[in-house]
Amino acid sequence: MKLLLNGEEKVLADGISVLDMLNALEIERRGIAVELNREVVPKGRHEETRLKEGDTVEVIRMVGGG
């Protein structure tokens, strides 16, 4: 399936979860937020939330600073 990840088209397996996507792309879960079609997906729902063709996903890394 095709989806947009941070503005770039990606091809991933059909019906994978947010957690599966993060693992497949080797994205560390600590310190990130995932937005799916403009809605934040709570970390506790990454495993159960399934992606589908045409979804828009944003992965945002929290950065501390001062």
PDB file of N, CA and C in Angstrom:
ATOM      1  N   MET A   1       0.840  -1.178   0.000  1.00  0.00           N
ATOM      2  CA  MET A   1       0.000   0.000   0.000  1.00  0.00           C
ATOM      3  C   MET A   1       0.880   1.234   0.000  1.00  0.00           C
ATOM      4  N   LYS A   2       0.362   2.336  -0.521  1.00  0.00           N
ATOM      5  CA  LYS A   2       1.093   3.599  -0.544  1.00  0.00           C
ATOM      6  C   LYS A   2       0.483   4.547   0.480  1.00  0.00           C
ATOM      7  N   LEU A   3       1.366   5.257   1.173  1.00  0.00           N
ATOM      8  CA  LEU A   3       0.934   6.299   2.087  1.00  0.00           C
ATOM      9  C   LEU A   3       1.970   7.401   2.088  1.00  0.00           C
ATOM     10  N   LEU A   4       1.627   8.522   2.678  1.00  0.00           N
ATOM     11  CA  LEU A   4       2.578   9.628   2.812  1.00  0.00           C
ATOM     12  C   LEU A   4       3.135   9.613   4.224  1.00  0.00           C
ATOM     13  N   LEU A   5       4.439   9.582   4.334  1.00  0.00           N
ATOM     14  CA  LEU A   5       5.110   9.620   5.630  1.00  0.00           C
ATOM     15  C   LEU A   5       6.015  10.838   5.640  1.00  0.00           C
ATOM     16  N   ASN A   6       5.678  11.791   6.486  1.00  0.00           N
ATOM     17  CA  ASN A   6       6.428  13.047   6.568  1.00  0.00           C
ATOM     18  C   ASN A   6       6.620  13.663   5.184  1.00  0.00           C
ATOM     19  N   GLY A   7       5.543  13.621   4.386  1.00  0.00           N
ATOM     20  CA  GLY A   7       5.560  14.258   3.072  1.00  0.00           C
ATOM     21  C   GLY A   7       6.161  13.442   1.945  1.00  0.00           C
ATOM     22  N   GLU A   8       6.647  12.234   2.246  1.00  0.00           N
ATOM     23  CA  GLU A   8       7.246  11.375   1.222  1.00  0.00           C
ATOM     24  C   GLU A   8       6.409  10.126   1.033  1.00  0.00           C
ATOM     25  N   GLU A   9       6.210   9.739  -0.215  1.00  0.00           N
ATOM     26  CA  GLU A   9       5.458   8.519  -0.485  1.00  0.00           C
ATOM     27  C   GLU A   9       6.266   7.305  -0.067  1.00  0.00           C
ATOM     28  N   LYS A  10       5.620   6.407   0.656  1.00  0.00           N
ATOM     29  CA  LYS A  10       6.237   5.150   1.087  1.00  0.00           C
ATOM     30  C   LYS A  10       5.330   4.013   0.663  1.00  0.00           C
ATOM     31  N   VAL A  11       5.916   2.872   0.365  1.00  0.00           N
ATOM     32  CA  VAL A  11       5.167   1.663   0.062  1.00  0.00           C
ATOM     33  C   VAL A  11       5.448   0.676   1.189  1.00  0.00           C
ATOM     34  N   LEU A  12       4.364   0.269   1.859  1.00  0.00           N
ATOM     35  CA  LEU A  12       4.476  -0.640   2.995  1.00  0.00           C
ATOM     36  C   LEU A  12       3.487  -1.783   2.822  1.00  0.00           C
ATOM     37  N   ALA A  13       3.644  -2.823   3.627  1.00  0.00           N
ATOM     38  CA  ALA A  13       2.729  -3.968   3.570  1.00  0.00           C
ATOM     39  C   ALA A  13       1.313  -3.534   3.934  1.00  0.00           C
ATOM     40  N   ASP A  14       0.334  -4.142   3.284  1.00  0.00           N
ATOM     41  CA  ASP A  14      -1.070  -3.825   3.548  1.00  0.00           C
ATOM     42  C   ASP A  14      -1.433  -4.119   4.998  1.00  0.00           C
ATOM     43  N   GLY A  15      -2.172  -3.190   5.606  1.00  0.00           N
ATOM     44  CA  GLY A  15      -2.762  -3.416   6.912  1.00  0.00           C
ATOM     45  C   GLY A  15      -1.817  -3.454   8.088  1.00  0.00           C
ATOM     46  N   ILE A  16      -0.589  -2.957   7.916  1.00  0.00           N
ATOM     47  CA  ILE A  16       0.325  -2.993   9.064  1.00  0.00           C
ATOM     48  C   ILE A  16      -0.101  -1.960  10.097  1.00  0.00           C
ATOM     49  N   SER A  17       0.356  -2.168  11.308  1.00  0.00           N
ATOM     50  CA  SER A  17       0.039  -1.245  12.390  1.00  0.00           C
ATOM     51  C   SER A  17       1.062  -0.107  12.415  1.00  0.00           C
ATOM     52  N   VAL A  18       0.733   0.915  13.165  1.00  0.00           N
ATOM     53  CA  VAL A  18       1.688   2.012  13.373  1.00  0.00           C
ATOM     54  C   VAL A  18       2.978   1.454  13.968  1.00  0.00           C
ATOM     55  N   LEU A  19       2.857   0.573  14.938  1.00  0.00           N
ATOM     56  CA  LEU A  19       4.041  -0.026  15.568  1.00  0.00           C
ATOM     57  C   LEU A  19       4.868  -0.797  14.542  1.00  0.00           C
ATOM     58  N   ASP A  20       4.213  -1.588  13.695  1.00  0.00           N
ATOM     59  CA  ASP A  20       4.936  -2.337  12.657  1.00  0.00           C
ATOM     60  C   ASP A  20       5.676  -1.396  11.713  1.00  0.00           C
ATOM     61  N   MET A  21       5.031  -0.281  11.359  1.00  0.00           N
ATOM     62  CA  MET A  21       5.661   0.697  10.470  1.00  0.00           C
ATOM     63  C   MET A  21       6.913   1.276  11.124  1.00  0.00           C
ATOM     64  N   LEU A  22       6.786   1.667  12.383  1.00  0.00           N
ATOM     65  CA  LEU A  22       7.934   2.241  13.086  1.00  0.00           C
ATOM     66  C   LEU A  22       9.083   1.241  13.158  1.00  0.00           C
ATOM     67  N   ASN A  23       8.756  -0.008  13.447  1.00  0.00           N
ATOM     68  CA  ASN A  23       9.791  -1.043  13.513  1.00  0.00           C
ATOM     69  C   ASN A  23      10.420  -1.284  12.141  1.00  0.00           C
ATOM     70  N   ALA A  24       9.601  -1.374  11.102  1.00  0.00           N
ATOM     71  CA  ALA A  24      10.110  -1.629   9.747  1.00  0.00           C
ATOM     72  C   ALA A  24      11.040  -0.512   9.277  1.00  0.00           C
ATOM     73  N   LEU A  25      10.737   0.711   9.692  1.00  0.00           N
ATOM     74  CA  LEU A  25      11.548   1.860   9.281  1.00  0.00           C
ATOM     75  C   LEU A  25      12.633   2.199  10.303  1.00  0.00           C
ATOM     76  N   GLU A  26      12.769   1.343  11.330  1.00  0.00           N
ATOM     77  CA  GLU A  26      13.779   1.496  12.380  1.00  0.00           C
ATOM     78  C   GLU A  26      13.710   2.865  13.049  1.00  0.00           C
ATOM     79  N   ILE A  27      12.488   3.270  13.393  1.00  0.00           N
ATOM     80  CA  ILE A  27      12.263   4.538  14.088  1.00  0.00           C
ATOM     81  C   ILE A  27      12.083   4.239  15.569  1.00  0.00           C
ATOM     82  N   GLU A  28      12.954   4.797  16.383  1.00  0.00           N
ATOM     83  CA  GLU A  28      12.898   4.631  17.836  1.00  0.00           C
ATOM     84  C   GLU A  28      11.624   5.273  18.366  1.00  0.00           C
ATOM     85  N   ARG A  29      10.859   4.567  19.177  1.00  0.00           N
ATOM     86  CA  ARG A  29       9.572   5.073  19.676  1.00  0.00           C
ATOM     87  C   ARG A  29       9.712   6.096  20.796  1.00  0.00           C
ATOM     88  N   ARG A  30      10.834   6.088  21.467  1.00  0.00           N
ATOM     89  CA  ARG A  30      11.009   7.025  22.579  1.00  0.00           C
ATOM     90  C   ARG A  30      11.167   8.437  22.037  1.00  0.00           C
ATOM     91  N   GLY A  31      10.397   9.362  22.599  1.00  0.00           N
ATOM     92  CA  GLY A  31      10.541  10.765  22.231  1.00  0.00           C
ATOM     93  C   GLY A  31       9.878  11.166  20.923  1.00  0.00           C
ATOM     94  N   ILE A  32       8.918  10.349  20.444  1.00  0.00           N
ATOM     95  CA  ILE A  32       8.230  10.712  19.206  1.00  0.00           C
ATOM     96  C   ILE A  32       6.727  10.811  19.441  1.00  0.00           C
ATOM     97  N   ALA A  33       6.070  11.473  18.525  1.00  0.00           N
ATOM     98  CA  ALA A  33       4.611  11.482  18.446  1.00  0.00           C
ATOM     99  C   ALA A  33       4.254  11.079  17.023  1.00  0.00           C
ATOM    100  N   VAL A  34       3.160  10.341  16.885  1.00  0.00           N
ATOM    101  CA  VAL A  34       2.698   9.916  15.564  1.00  0.00           C
ATOM    102  C   VAL A  34       1.326  10.514  15.319  1.00  0.00           C
ATOM    103  N   GLU A  35       1.207  11.154  14.178  1.00  0.00           N
ATOM    104  CA  GLU A  35      -0.063  11.734  13.756  1.00  0.00           C
ATOM    105  C   GLU A  35      -0.537  10.963  12.527  1.00  0.00           C
ATOM    106  N   LEU A  36      -1.772  10.513  12.563  1.00  0.00           N
ATOM    107  CA  LEU A  36      -2.357   9.773  11.452  1.00  0.00           C
ATOM    108  C   LEU A  36      -3.569  10.546  10.959  1.00  0.00           C
ATOM    109  N   ASN A  37      -3.474  11.042   9.732  1.00  0.00           N
ATOM    110  CA  ASN A  37      -4.564  11.828   9.143  1.00  0.00           C
ATOM    111  C   ASN A  37      -5.004  12.958  10.078  1.00  0.00           C
ATOM    112  N   ARG A  38      -3.999  13.686  10.588  1.00  0.00           N
ATOM    113  CA  ARG A  38      -4.191  14.871  11.437  1.00  0.00           C
ATOM    114  C   ARG A  38      -4.698  14.586  12.846  1.00  0.00           C
ATOM    115  N   GLU A  39      -4.637  13.331  13.279  1.00  0.00           N
ATOM    116  CA  GLU A  39      -5.041  12.951  14.635  1.00  0.00           C
ATOM    117  C   GLU A  39      -3.860  12.248  15.307  1.00  0.00           C
ATOM    118  N   VAL A  40      -3.531  12.674  16.519  1.00  0.00           N
ATOM    119  CA  VAL A  40      -2.437  12.037  17.246  1.00  0.00           C
ATOM    120  C   VAL A  40      -2.868  10.630  17.661  1.00  0.00           C
ATOM    121  N   VAL A  41      -1.973   9.679  17.439  1.00  0.00           N
ATOM    122  CA  VAL A  41      -2.215   8.294  17.858  1.00  0.00           C
ATOM    123  C   VAL A  41      -1.468   8.085  19.171  1.00  0.00           C
ATOM    124  N   PRO A  42      -2.183   7.881  20.284  1.00  0.00           N
ATOM    125  CA  PRO A  42      -1.499   7.648  21.561  1.00  0.00           C
ATOM    126  C   PRO A  42      -0.587   6.422  21.476  1.00  0.00           C
ATOM    127  N   LYS A  43       0.539   6.476  22.179  1.00  0.00           N
ATOM    128  CA  LYS A  43       1.506   5.364  22.141  1.00  0.00           C
ATOM    129  C   LYS A  43       0.861   4.030  22.471  1.00  0.00           C
ATOM    130  N   GLY A  44      -0.071   4.040  23.389  1.00  0.00           N
ATOM    131  CA  GLY A  44      -0.738   2.804  23.786  1.00  0.00           C
ATOM    132  C   GLY A  44      -1.602   2.201  22.694  1.00  0.00           C
ATOM    133  N   ARG A  45      -1.830   2.945  21.602  1.00  0.00           N
ATOM    134  CA  ARG A  45      -2.659   2.454  20.504  1.00  0.00           C
ATOM    135  C   ARG A  45      -1.852   2.192  19.234  1.00  0.00           C
ATOM    136  N   HIS A  46      -0.521   2.330  19.293  1.00  0.00           N
ATOM    137  CA  HIS A  46       0.313   2.099  18.108  1.00  0.00           C
ATOM    138  C   HIS A  46       0.162   0.680  17.573  1.00  0.00           C
ATOM    139  N   GLU A  47       0.052  -0.294  18.463  1.00  0.00           N
ATOM    140  CA  GLU A  47      -0.017  -1.691  18.023  1.00  0.00           C
ATOM    141  C   GLU A  47      -1.368  -2.017  17.384  1.00  0.00           C
ATOM    142  N   GLU A  48      -2.434  -1.418  17.855  1.00  0.00           N
ATOM    143  CA  GLU A  48      -3.767  -1.756  17.349  1.00  0.00           C
ATOM    144  C   GLU A  48      -4.222  -0.881  16.179  1.00  0.00           C
ATOM    145  N   THR A  49      -3.557   0.255  15.965  1.00  0.00           N
ATOM    146  CA  THR A  49      -3.968   1.179  14.909  1.00  0.00           C
ATOM    147  C   THR A  49      -3.386   0.728  13.570  1.00  0.00           C
ATOM    148  N   ARG A  50      -4.266   0.368  12.646  1.00  0.00           N
ATOM    149  CA  ARG A  50      -3.863  -0.139  11.337  1.00  0.00           C
ATOM    150  C   ARG A  50      -3.819   0.988  10.308  1.00  0.00           C
ATOM    151  N   LEU A  51      -2.839   0.913   9.436  1.00  0.00           N
ATOM    152  CA  LEU A  51      -2.703   1.886   8.356  1.00  0.00           C
ATOM    153  C   LEU A  51      -3.384   1.360   7.105  1.00  0.00           C
ATOM    154  N   LYS A  52      -3.830   2.296   6.259  1.00  0.00           N
ATOM    155  CA  LYS A  52      -4.463   1.883   5.015  1.00  0.00           C
ATOM    156  C   LYS A  52      -3.996   2.768   3.867  1.00  0.00           C
ATOM    157  N   GLU A  53      -4.249   2.303   2.670  1.00  0.00           N
ATOM    158  CA  GLU A  53      -3.872   3.012   1.452  1.00  0.00           C
ATOM    159  C   GLU A  53      -4.299   4.474   1.526  1.00  0.00           C
ATOM    160  N   GLY A  54      -3.352   5.370   1.202  1.00  0.00           N
ATOM    161  CA  GLY A  54      -3.657   6.791   1.135  1.00  0.00           C
ATOM    162  C   GLY A  54      -3.552   7.550   2.442  1.00  0.00           C
ATOM    163  N   ASP A  55      -3.251   6.863   3.546  1.00  0.00           N
ATOM    164  CA  ASP A  55      -3.103   7.559   4.833  1.00  0.00           C
ATOM    165  C   ASP A  55      -1.958   8.565   4.773  1.00  0.00           C
ATOM    166  N   THR A  56      -2.072   9.576   5.608  1.00  0.00           N
ATOM    167  CA  THR A  56      -0.998  10.552   5.793  1.00  0.00           C
ATOM    168  C   THR A  56      -0.493  10.409   7.222  1.00  0.00           C
ATOM    169  N   VAL A  57       0.794  10.128   7.357  1.00  0.00           N
ATOM    170  CA  VAL A  57       1.410   9.905   8.660  1.00  0.00           C
ATOM    171  C   VAL A  57       2.527  10.920   8.862  1.00  0.00           C
ATOM    172  N   GLU A  58       2.549  11.514  10.025  1.00  0.00           N
ATOM    173  CA  GLU A  58       3.648  12.396  10.417  1.00  0.00           C
ATOM    174  C   GLU A  58       4.265  11.806  11.679  1.00  0.00           C
ATOM    175  N   VAL A  59       5.579  11.635  11.666  1.00  0.00           N
ATOM    176  CA  VAL A  59       6.317  11.203  12.854  1.00  0.00           C
ATOM    177  C   VAL A  59       7.144  12.393  13.297  1.00  0.00           C
ATOM    178  N   ILE A  60       6.881  12.831  14.514  1.00  0.00           N
ATOM    179  CA  ILE A  60       7.523  14.031  15.033  1.00  0.00           C
ATOM    180  C   ILE A  60       8.417  13.646  16.207  1.00  0.00           C
ATOM    181  N   ARG A  61       9.664  14.042  16.122  1.00  0.00           N
ATOM    182  CA  ARG A  61      10.618  13.768  17.197  1.00  0.00           C
ATOM    183  C   ARG A  61      10.699  14.967  18.120  1.00  0.00           C
ATOM    184  N   MET A  62      10.532  14.708  19.412  1.00  0.00           N
ATOM    185  CA  MET A  62      10.627  15.760  20.419  1.00  0.00           C
ATOM    186  C   MET A  62      12.103  16.078  20.666  1.00  0.00           C
ATOM    187  N   VAL A  63      12.428  17.344  20.641  1.00  0.00           N
ATOM    188  CA  VAL A  63      13.810  17.776  20.855  1.00  0.00           C
ATOM    189  C   VAL A  63      13.813  18.793  21.980  1.00  0.00           C
ATOM    190  N   GLY A  64      14.631  18.518  22.968  1.00  0.00           N
ATOM    191  CA  GLY A  64      14.768  19.481  24.082  1.00  0.00           C
ATOM    192  C   GLY A  64      15.823  20.517  23.746  1.00  0.00           C
ATOM    193  N   GLY A  65      15.728  21.598  24.376  1.00  0.00           N
ATOM    194  CA  GLY A  65      16.724  22.651  24.128  1.00  0.00           C
ATOM    195  C   GLY A  65      16.436  23.851  25.005  1.00  0.00           C
ATOM    196  N   GLY A  66      17.210  24.843  24.797  1.00  0.00           N
ATOM    197  CA  GLY A  66      16.987  26.001  25.638  1.00  0.00           C
ATOM    198  C   GLY A  66      17.566  27.237  25.058  1.00  0.00           C
TER     199      GLY A  66
END
